[in-house]
Amino acid sequence: MKDGSLRVERNGEWEEIMHYPGQMHRAIVSRLKIMGNLKIDRRPSQKGEMHIVFSGQEIDLEIEVRRLSDDEEGVSLGLPRVQRRS
């Protein structure tokens, strides 16, 4: 399995913030689904929200899980539009 990466969007550009071995991909996707109160089973597409505390700041995130192929899923995380700042 191909290695994966965690990227965030900043000012319209995607920046890689973490690289991980491909065998961890399903575990990471499942964990993000749990945090976003989404169904664990493989569905075509799901959207949800999660609340985290990072470096003492409370952050609300939007989460979207999409099927990329029969055996792959991709996850997008983003700040809700009302909280996005440049």
PDB file of N, CA and C in Angstrom:
ATOM      1  N   MET A   1       0.840  -1.189   0.000  1.00  0.00           N
ATOM      2  CA  MET A   1       0.000   0.000   0.000  1.00  0.00           C
ATOM      3  C   MET A   1       0.883   1.249   0.000  1.00  0.00           C
ATOM      4  N   LYS A   2       0.467   2.240  -0.754  1.00  0.00           N
ATOM      5  CA  LYS A   2       1.192   3.497  -0.897  1.00  0.00           C
ATOM      6  C   LYS A   2       1.155   4.308   0.409  1.00  0.00           C
ATOM      7  N   ASP A   3       2.250   5.005   0.713  1.00  0.00           N
ATOM      8  CA  ASP A   3       2.286   5.872   1.891  1.00  0.00           C
ATOM      9  C   ASP A   3       1.268   6.993   1.752  1.00  0.00           C
ATOM     10  N   GLY A   4       0.845   7.546   2.879  1.00  0.00           N
ATOM     11  CA  GLY A   4      -0.143   8.613   2.883  1.00  0.00           C
ATOM     12  C   GLY A   4       0.408   9.882   3.502  1.00  0.00           C
ATOM     13  N   SER A   5      -0.393  10.931   3.434  1.00  0.00           N
ATOM     14  CA  SER A   5       0.016  12.189   4.030  1.00  0.00           C
ATOM     15  C   SER A   5      -1.209  12.927   4.552  1.00  0.00           C
ATOM     16  N   LEU A   6      -0.969  13.745   5.544  1.00  0.00           N
ATOM     17  CA  LEU A   6      -2.006  14.609   6.088  1.00  0.00           C
ATOM     18  C   LEU A   6      -1.663  16.019   5.641  1.00  0.00           C
ATOM     19  N   ARG A   7      -2.623  16.643   4.954  1.00  0.00           N
ATOM     20  CA  ARG A   7      -2.400  17.992   4.442  1.00  0.00           C
ATOM     21  C   ARG A   7      -3.494  18.918   4.936  1.00  0.00           C
ATOM     22  N   VAL A   8      -3.155  20.177   5.094  1.00  0.00           N
ATOM     23  CA  VAL A   8      -4.131  21.201   5.469  1.00  0.00           C
ATOM     24  C   VAL A   8      -4.117  22.298   4.410  1.00  0.00           C
ATOM     25  N   GLU A   9      -5.265  22.937   4.253  1.00  0.00           N
ATOM     26  CA  GLU A   9      -5.374  24.032   3.295  1.00  0.00           C
ATOM     27  C   GLU A   9      -5.161  25.354   4.023  1.00  0.00           C
ATOM     28  N   ARG A  10      -4.225  26.125   3.516  1.00  0.00           N
ATOM     29  CA  ARG A  10      -3.948  27.453   4.070  1.00  0.00           C
ATOM     30  C   ARG A  10      -3.879  28.440   2.914  1.00  0.00           C
ATOM     31  N   ASN A  11      -4.741  29.420   2.946  1.00  0.00           N
ATOM     32  CA  ASN A  11      -4.760  30.457   1.902  1.00  0.00           C
ATOM     33  C   ASN A  11      -4.835  29.866   0.500  1.00  0.00           C
ATOM     34  N   GLY A  12      -5.641  28.822   0.350  1.00  0.00           N
ATOM     35  CA  GLY A  12      -5.850  28.221  -0.955  1.00  0.00           C
ATOM     36  C   GLY A  12      -4.769  27.252  -1.402  1.00  0.00           C
ATOM     37  N   GLU A  13      -3.748  27.032  -0.584  1.00  0.00           N
ATOM     38  CA  GLU A  13      -2.657  26.110  -0.908  1.00  0.00           C
ATOM     39  C   GLU A  13      -2.682  24.934   0.072  1.00  0.00           C
ATOM     40  N   TRP A  14      -2.436  23.716  -0.444  1.00  0.00           N
ATOM     41  CA  TRP A  14      -2.372  22.529   0.407  1.00  0.00           C
ATOM     42  C   TRP A  14      -0.942  22.334   0.893  1.00  0.00           C
ATOM     43  N   GLU A  15      -0.783  22.169   2.215  1.00  0.00           N
ATOM     44  CA  GLU A  15       0.529  22.001   2.831  1.00  0.00           C
ATOM     45  C   GLU A  15       0.558  20.669   3.573  1.00  0.00           C
ATOM     46  N   GLU A  16       1.542  19.829   3.273  1.00  0.00           N
ATOM     47  CA  GLU A  16       1.678  18.546   3.965  1.00  0.00           C
ATOM     48  C   GLU A  16       2.242  18.792   5.355  1.00  0.00           C
ATOM     49  N   ILE A  17       1.557  18.255   6.372  1.00  0.00           N
ATOM     50  CA  ILE A  17       2.035  18.444   7.742  1.00  0.00           C
ATOM     51  C   ILE A  17       2.464  17.127   8.389  1.00  0.00           C
ATOM     52  N   MET A  18       2.126  15.989   7.758  1.00  0.00           N
ATOM     53  CA  MET A  18       2.512  14.703   8.315  1.00  0.00           C
ATOM     54  C   MET A  18       2.539  13.657   7.207  1.00  0.00           C
ATOM     55  N   HIS A  19       3.493  12.758   7.287  1.00  0.00           N
ATOM     56  CA  HIS A  19       3.614  11.650   6.342  1.00  0.00           C
ATOM     57  C   HIS A  19       3.497  10.370   7.161  1.00  0.00           C
ATOM     58  N   TYR A  20       2.773   9.346   6.665  1.00  0.00           N
ATOM     59  CA  TYR A  20       2.613   8.102   7.419  1.00  0.00           C
ATOM     60  C   TYR A  20       2.653   6.895   6.478  1.00  0.00           C
ATOM     61  N   PRO A  21       3.027   5.716   7.029  1.00  0.00           N
ATOM     62  CA  PRO A  21       3.069   4.500   6.222  1.00  0.00           C
ATOM     63  C   PRO A  21       1.669   4.115   5.744  1.00  0.00           C
ATOM     64  N   GLY A  22       1.581   3.570   4.538  1.00  0.00           N
ATOM     65  CA  GLY A  22       0.302   3.222   3.942  1.00  0.00           C
ATOM     66  C   GLY A  22      -0.536   2.261   4.764  1.00  0.00           C
ATOM     67  N   GLN A  23       0.109   1.354   5.519  1.00  0.00           N
ATOM     68  CA  GLN A  23      -0.663   0.396   6.311  1.00  0.00           C
ATOM     69  C   GLN A  23      -1.433   1.068   7.453  1.00  0.00           C
ATOM     70  N   MET A  24      -1.149   2.329   7.757  1.00  0.00           N
ATOM     71  CA  MET A  24      -1.879   3.056   8.805  1.00  0.00           C
ATOM     72  C   MET A  24      -3.104   3.789   8.268  1.00  0.00           C
ATOM     73  N   HIS A  25      -3.275   3.848   6.948  1.00  0.00           N
ATOM     74  CA  HIS A  25      -4.327   4.673   6.347  1.00  0.00           C
ATOM     75  C   HIS A  25      -5.727   4.325   6.850  1.00  0.00           C
ATOM     76  N   ARG A  26      -6.096   3.056   6.794  1.00  0.00           N
ATOM     77  CA  ARG A  26      -7.452   2.684   7.232  1.00  0.00           C
ATOM     78  C   ARG A  26      -7.698   3.006   8.693  1.00  0.00           C
ATOM     79  N   ALA A  27      -6.689   2.812   9.543  1.00  0.00           N
ATOM     80  CA  ALA A  27      -6.836   3.128  10.966  1.00  0.00           C
ATOM     81  C   ALA A  27      -7.038   4.627  11.171  1.00  0.00           C
ATOM     82  N   ILE A  28      -6.307   5.438  10.429  1.00  0.00           N
ATOM     83  CA  ILE A  28      -6.436   6.900  10.544  1.00  0.00           C
ATOM     84  C   ILE A  28      -7.813   7.343  10.068  1.00  0.00           C
ATOM     85  N   VAL A  29      -8.265   6.814   8.927  1.00  0.00           N
ATOM     86  CA  VAL A  29      -9.596   7.166   8.406  1.00  0.00           C
ATOM     87  C   VAL A  29     -10.675   6.752   9.398  1.00  0.00           C
ATOM     88  N   SER A  30     -10.571   5.541   9.953  1.00  0.00           N
ATOM     89  CA  SER A  30     -11.566   5.076  10.928  1.00  0.00           C
ATOM     90  C   SER A  30     -11.599   5.971  12.159  1.00  0.00           C
ATOM     91  N   ARG A  31     -10.424   6.386  12.639  1.00  0.00           N
ATOM     92  CA  ARG A  31     -10.352   7.243  13.825  1.00  0.00           C
ATOM     93  C   ARG A  31     -11.002   8.599  13.556  1.00  0.00           C
ATOM     94  N   LEU A  32     -10.744   9.159  12.384  1.00  0.00           N
ATOM     95  CA  LEU A  32     -11.357  10.443  12.033  1.00  0.00           C
ATOM     96  C   LEU A  32     -12.871  10.309  11.892  1.00  0.00           C
ATOM     97  N   LYS A  33     -13.335   9.173  11.361  1.00  0.00           N
ATOM     98  CA  LYS A  33     -14.780   8.940  11.268  1.00  0.00           C
ATOM     99  C   LYS A  33     -15.406   8.901  12.659  1.00  0.00           C
ATOM    100  N   ILE A  34     -14.763   8.208  13.584  1.00  0.00           N
ATOM    101  CA  ILE A  34     -15.281   8.131  14.959  1.00  0.00           C
ATOM    102  C   ILE A  34     -15.324   9.524  15.571  1.00  0.00           C
ATOM    103  N   MET A  35     -14.259  10.297  15.404  1.00  0.00           N
ATOM    104  CA  MET A  35     -14.211  11.645  15.973  1.00  0.00           C
ATOM    105  C   MET A  35     -15.276  12.556  15.364  1.00  0.00           C
ATOM    106  N   GLY A  36     -15.657  12.302  14.108  1.00  0.00           N
ATOM    107  CA  GLY A  36     -16.661  13.113  13.428  1.00  0.00           C
ATOM    108  C   GLY A  36     -18.067  12.554  13.521  1.00  0.00           C
ATOM    109  N   ASN A  37     -18.262  11.510  14.372  1.00  0.00           N
ATOM    110  CA  ASN A  37     -19.566  10.863  14.551  1.00  0.00           C
ATOM    111  C   ASN A  37     -20.143  10.353  13.227  1.00  0.00           C
ATOM    112  N   LEU A  38     -19.289   9.764  12.390  1.00  0.00           N
ATOM    113  CA  LEU A  38     -19.718   9.196  11.118  1.00  0.00           C
ATOM    114  C   LEU A  38     -19.795   7.680  11.236  1.00  0.00           C
ATOM    115  N   LYS A  39     -20.471   7.050  10.297  1.00  0.00           N
ATOM    116  CA  LYS A  39     -20.566   5.590  10.259  1.00  0.00           C
ATOM    117  C   LYS A  39     -19.212   5.025   9.832  1.00  0.00           C
ATOM    118  N   ILE A  40     -18.816   3.926  10.451  1.00  0.00           N
ATOM    119  CA  ILE A  40     -17.528   3.301  10.149  1.00  0.00           C
ATOM    120  C   ILE A  40     -17.584   2.530   8.833  1.00  0.00           C
ATOM    121  N   ASP A  41     -18.754   1.986   8.486  1.00  0.00           N
ATOM    122  CA  ASP A  41     -18.833   1.200   7.249  1.00  0.00           C
ATOM    123  C   ASP A  41     -18.503   2.071   6.049  1.00  0.00           C
ATOM    124  N   ARG A  42     -18.143   1.418   4.969  1.00  0.00           N
ATOM    125  CA  ARG A  42     -17.698   2.132   3.766  1.00  0.00           C
ATOM    126  C   ARG A  42     -18.910   2.612   2.982  1.00  0.00           C
ATOM    127  N   ARG A  43     -19.079   3.894   2.901  1.00  0.00           N
ATOM    128  CA  ARG A  43     -20.178   4.531   2.187  1.00  0.00           C
ATOM    129  C   ARG A  43     -19.606   5.419   1.089  1.00  0.00           C
ATOM    130  N   PRO A  44     -20.442   5.763   0.105  1.00  0.00           N
ATOM    131  CA  PRO A  44     -19.928   6.611  -0.988  1.00  0.00           C
ATOM    132  C   PRO A  44     -19.377   7.952  -0.506  1.00  0.00           C
ATOM    133  N   SER A  45     -20.052   8.606   0.417  1.00  0.00           N
ATOM    134  CA  SER A  45     -19.614   9.905   0.895  1.00  0.00           C
ATOM    135  C   SER A  45     -20.316  10.204   2.214  1.00  0.00           C
ATOM    136  N   GLN A  46     -19.609  10.838   3.124  1.00  0.00           N
ATOM    137  CA  GLN A  46     -20.197  11.238   4.408  1.00  0.00           C
ATOM    138  C   GLN A  46     -19.622  12.588   4.809  1.00  0.00           C
ATOM    139  N   LYS A  47     -20.428  13.368   5.511  1.00  0.00           N
ATOM    140  CA  LYS A  47     -19.967  14.644   6.057  1.00  0.00           C
ATOM    141  C   LYS A  47     -20.329  14.704   7.534  1.00  0.00           C
ATOM    142  N   GLY A  48     -19.481  15.360   8.299  1.00  0.00           N
ATOM    143  CA  GLY A  48     -19.735  15.514   9.721  1.00  0.00           C
ATOM    144  C   GLY A  48     -18.913  16.664  10.273  1.00  0.00           C
ATOM    145  N   GLU A  49     -18.914  16.764  11.586  1.00  0.00           N
ATOM    146  CA  GLU A  49     -18.171  17.816  12.275  1.00  0.00           C
ATOM    147  C   GLU A  49     -17.498  17.232  13.497  1.00  0.00           C
ATOM    148  N   MET A  50     -16.413  17.848  13.918  1.00  0.00           N
ATOM    149  CA  MET A  50     -15.762  17.436  15.157  1.00  0.00           C
ATOM    150  C   MET A  50     -15.245  18.673  15.879  1.00  0.00           C
ATOM    151  N   HIS A  51     -15.100  18.530  17.170  1.00  0.00           N
ATOM    152  CA  HIS A  51     -14.610  19.609  18.018  1.00  0.00           C
ATOM    153  C   HIS A  51     -13.337  19.102  18.679  1.00  0.00           C
ATOM    154  N   ILE A  52     -12.245  19.856  18.556  1.00  0.00           N
ATOM    155  CA  ILE A  52     -10.989  19.475  19.188  1.00  0.00           C
ATOM    156  C   ILE A  52     -10.414  20.659  19.949  1.00  0.00           C
ATOM    157  N   VAL A  53      -9.519  20.363  20.873  1.00  0.00           N
ATOM    158  CA  VAL A  53      -8.748  21.401  21.564  1.00  0.00           C
ATOM    159  C   VAL A  53      -7.294  21.166  21.180  1.00  0.00           C
ATOM    160  N   PHE A  54      -6.664  22.164  20.569  1.00  0.00           N
ATOM    161  CA  PHE A  54      -5.289  22.062  20.100  1.00  0.00           C
ATOM    162  C   PHE A  54      -4.505  23.256  20.613  1.00  0.00           C
ATOM    163  N   SER A  55      -3.449  23.002  21.339  1.00  0.00           N
ATOM    164  CA  SER A  55      -2.623  24.061  21.930  1.00  0.00           C
ATOM    165  C   SER A  55      -3.469  25.056  22.717  1.00  0.00           C
ATOM    166  N   GLY A  56      -4.458  24.534  23.448  1.00  0.00           N
ATOM    167  CA  GLY A  56      -5.308  25.376  24.278  1.00  0.00           C
ATOM    168  C   GLY A  56      -6.420  26.100  23.539  1.00  0.00           C
ATOM    169  N   GLN A  57      -6.503  25.931  22.222  1.00  0.00           N
ATOM    170  CA  GLN A  57      -7.551  26.593  21.445  1.00  0.00           C
ATOM    171  C   GLN A  57      -8.627  25.584  21.067  1.00  0.00           C
ATOM    172  N   GLU A  58      -9.883  25.973  21.214  1.00  0.00           N
ATOM    173  CA  GLU A  58     -10.990  25.137  20.785  1.00  0.00           C
ATOM    174  C   GLU A  58     -11.226  25.363  19.295  1.00  0.00           C
ATOM    175  N   ILE A  59     -11.311  24.252  18.543  1.00  0.00           N
ATOM    176  CA  ILE A  59     -11.457  24.338  17.096  1.00  0.00           C
ATOM    177  C   ILE A  59     -12.581  23.417  16.647  1.00  0.00           C
ATOM    178  N   ASP A  60     -13.504  23.950  15.859  1.00  0.00           N
ATOM    179  CA  ASP A  60     -14.548  23.144  15.226  1.00  0.00           C
ATOM    180  C   ASP A  60     -14.095  22.840  13.802  1.00  0.00           C
ATOM    181  N   LEU A  61     -14.129  21.573  13.411  1.00  0.00           N
ATOM    182  CA  LEU A  61     -13.692  21.162  12.081  1.00  0.00           C
ATOM    183  C   LEU A  61     -14.823  20.491  11.320  1.00  0.00           C
ATOM    184  N   GLU A  62     -14.869  20.719  10.029  1.00  0.00           N
ATOM    185  CA  GLU A  62     -15.766  19.976   9.151  1.00  0.00           C
ATOM    186  C   GLU A  62     -14.970  18.789   8.625  1.00  0.00           C
ATOM    187  N   ILE A  63     -15.608  17.632   8.521  1.00  0.00           N
ATOM    188  CA  ILE A  63     -14.951  16.448   8.010  1.00  0.00           C
ATOM    189  C   ILE A  63     -15.776  15.874   6.863  1.00  0.00           C
ATOM    190  N   GLU A  64     -15.100  15.475   5.793  1.00  0.00           N
ATOM    191  CA  GLU A  64     -15.774  14.851   4.658  1.00  0.00           C
ATOM    192  C   GLU A  64     -14.966  13.629   4.244  1.00  0.00           C
ATOM    193  N   VAL A  65     -15.637  12.483   4.138  1.00  0.00           N
ATOM    194  CA  VAL A  65     -14.999  11.236   3.727  1.00  0.00           C
ATOM    195  C   VAL A  65     -15.558  10.862   2.367  1.00  0.00           C
ATOM    196  N   ARG A  66     -14.681  10.584   1.413  1.00  0.00           N
ATOM    197  CA  ARG A  66     -15.098  10.214   0.056  1.00  0.00           C
ATOM    198  C   ARG A  66     -14.436   8.911  -0.355  1.00  0.00           C
ATOM    199  N   ARG A  67     -15.171   8.115  -1.120  1.00  0.00           N
ATOM    200  CA  ARG A  67     -14.587   6.907  -1.720  1.00  0.00           C
ATOM    201  C   ARG A  67     -13.763   7.340  -2.915  1.00  0.00           C
ATOM    202  N   LEU A  68     -12.508   6.908  -2.968  1.00  0.00           N
ATOM    203  CA  LEU A  68     -11.639   7.219  -4.097  1.00  0.00           C
ATOM    204  C   LEU A  68     -11.602   6.066  -5.087  1.00  0.00           C
ATOM    205  N   SER A  69     -11.716   4.835  -4.570  1.00  0.00           N
ATOM    206  CA  SER A  69     -11.768   3.631  -5.396  1.00  0.00           C
ATOM    207  C   SER A  69     -12.399   2.536  -4.542  1.00  0.00           C
ATOM    208  N   ASP A  70     -12.389   1.307  -5.025  1.00  0.00           N
ATOM    209  CA  ASP A  70     -13.003   0.204  -4.277  1.00  0.00           C
ATOM    210  C   ASP A  70     -12.361  -0.032  -2.919  1.00  0.00           C
ATOM    211  N   ASP A  71     -11.080   0.241  -2.787  1.00  0.00           N
ATOM    212  CA  ASP A  71     -10.404  -0.053  -1.525  1.00  0.00           C
ATOM    213  C   ASP A  71      -9.741   1.155  -0.875  1.00  0.00           C
ATOM    214  N   GLU A  72     -10.054   2.369  -1.339  1.00  0.00           N
ATOM    215  CA  GLU A  72      -9.437   3.569  -0.775  1.00  0.00           C
ATOM    216  C   GLU A  72     -10.486   4.592  -0.388  1.00  0.00           C
ATOM    217  N   GLU A  73     -10.208   5.309   0.696  1.00  0.00           N
ATOM    218  CA  GLU A  73     -11.049   6.428   1.115  1.00  0.00           C
ATOM    219  C   GLU A  73     -10.151   7.626   1.368  1.00  0.00           C
ATOM    220  N   GLY A  74     -10.668   8.814   1.104  1.00  0.00           N
ATOM    221  CA  GLY A  74      -9.937  10.039   1.377  1.00  0.00           C
ATOM    222  C   GLY A  74     -10.732  10.893   2.351  1.00  0.00           C
ATOM    223  N   VAL A  75     -10.048  11.622   3.190  1.00  0.00           N
ATOM    224  CA  VAL A  75     -10.687  12.461   4.206  1.00  0.00           C
ATOM    225  C   VAL A  75     -10.242  13.895   4.025  1.00  0.00           C
ATOM    226  N   SER A  76     -11.193  14.819   4.069  1.00  0.00           N
ATOM    227  CA  SER A  76     -10.890  16.244   4.040  1.00  0.00           C
ATOM    228  C   SER A  76     -11.313  16.846   5.369  1.00  0.00           C
ATOM    229  N   LEU A  77     -10.463  17.660   5.944  1.00  0.00           N
ATOM    230  CA  LEU A  77     -10.786  18.396   7.163  1.00  0.00           C
ATOM    231  C   LEU A  77     -10.672  19.876   6.855  1.00  0.00           C
ATOM    232  N   GLY A  78     -11.576  20.649   7.402  1.00  0.00           N
ATOM    233  CA  GLY A  78     -11.498  22.084   7.185  1.00  0.00           C
ATOM    234  C   GLY A  78     -12.236  22.856   8.249  1.00  0.00           C
ATOM    235  N   LEU A  79     -11.850  24.085   8.422  1.00  0.00           N
ATOM    236  CA  LEU A  79     -12.576  24.961   9.335  1.00  0.00           C
ATOM    237  C   LEU A  79     -13.897  25.342   8.682  1.00  0.00           C
ATOM    238  N   PRO A  80     -14.967  25.438   9.476  1.00  0.00           N
ATOM    239  CA  PRO A  80     -16.213  25.946   8.894  1.00  0.00           C
ATOM    240  C   PRO A  80     -15.966  27.336   8.301  1.00  0.00           C
ATOM    241  N   ARG A  81     -16.693  27.649   7.251  1.00  0.00           N
ATOM    242  CA  ARG A  81     -16.461  28.917   6.538  1.00  0.00           C
ATOM    243  C   ARG A  81     -16.515  30.135   7.435  1.00  0.00           C
ATOM    244  N   VAL A  82     -17.368  30.136   8.438  1.00  0.00           N
ATOM    245  CA  VAL A  82     -17.481  31.329   9.290  1.00  0.00           C
ATOM    246  C   VAL A  82     -16.234  31.520  10.148  1.00  0.00           C
ATOM    247  N   GLN A  83     -15.396  30.475  10.326  1.00  0.00           N
ATOM    248  CA  GLN A  83     -14.212  30.604  11.164  1.00  0.00           C
ATOM    249  C   GLN A  83     -12.932  30.754  10.359  1.00  0.00           C
ATOM    250  N   ARG A  84     -12.988  30.610   9.046  1.00  0.00           N
ATOM    251  CA  ARG A  84     -11.769  30.684   8.237  1.00  0.00           C
ATOM    252  C   ARG A  84     -11.206  32.081   8.262  1.00  0.00           C
ATOM    253  N   ARG A  85      -9.898  32.142   8.457  1.00  0.00           N
ATOM    254  CA  ARG A  85      -9.215  33.427   8.487  1.00  0.00           C
ATOM    255  C   ARG A  85      -7.944  33.327   7.683  1.00  0.00           C
ATOM    256  N   SER A  86      -7.561  34.387   7.019  1.00  0.00           N
ATOM    257  CA  SER A  86      -6.312  34.393   6.230  1.00  0.00           C
ATOM    258  C   SER A  86      -5.158  34.847   7.085  1.00  0.00           C
TER     259      SER A  86
END
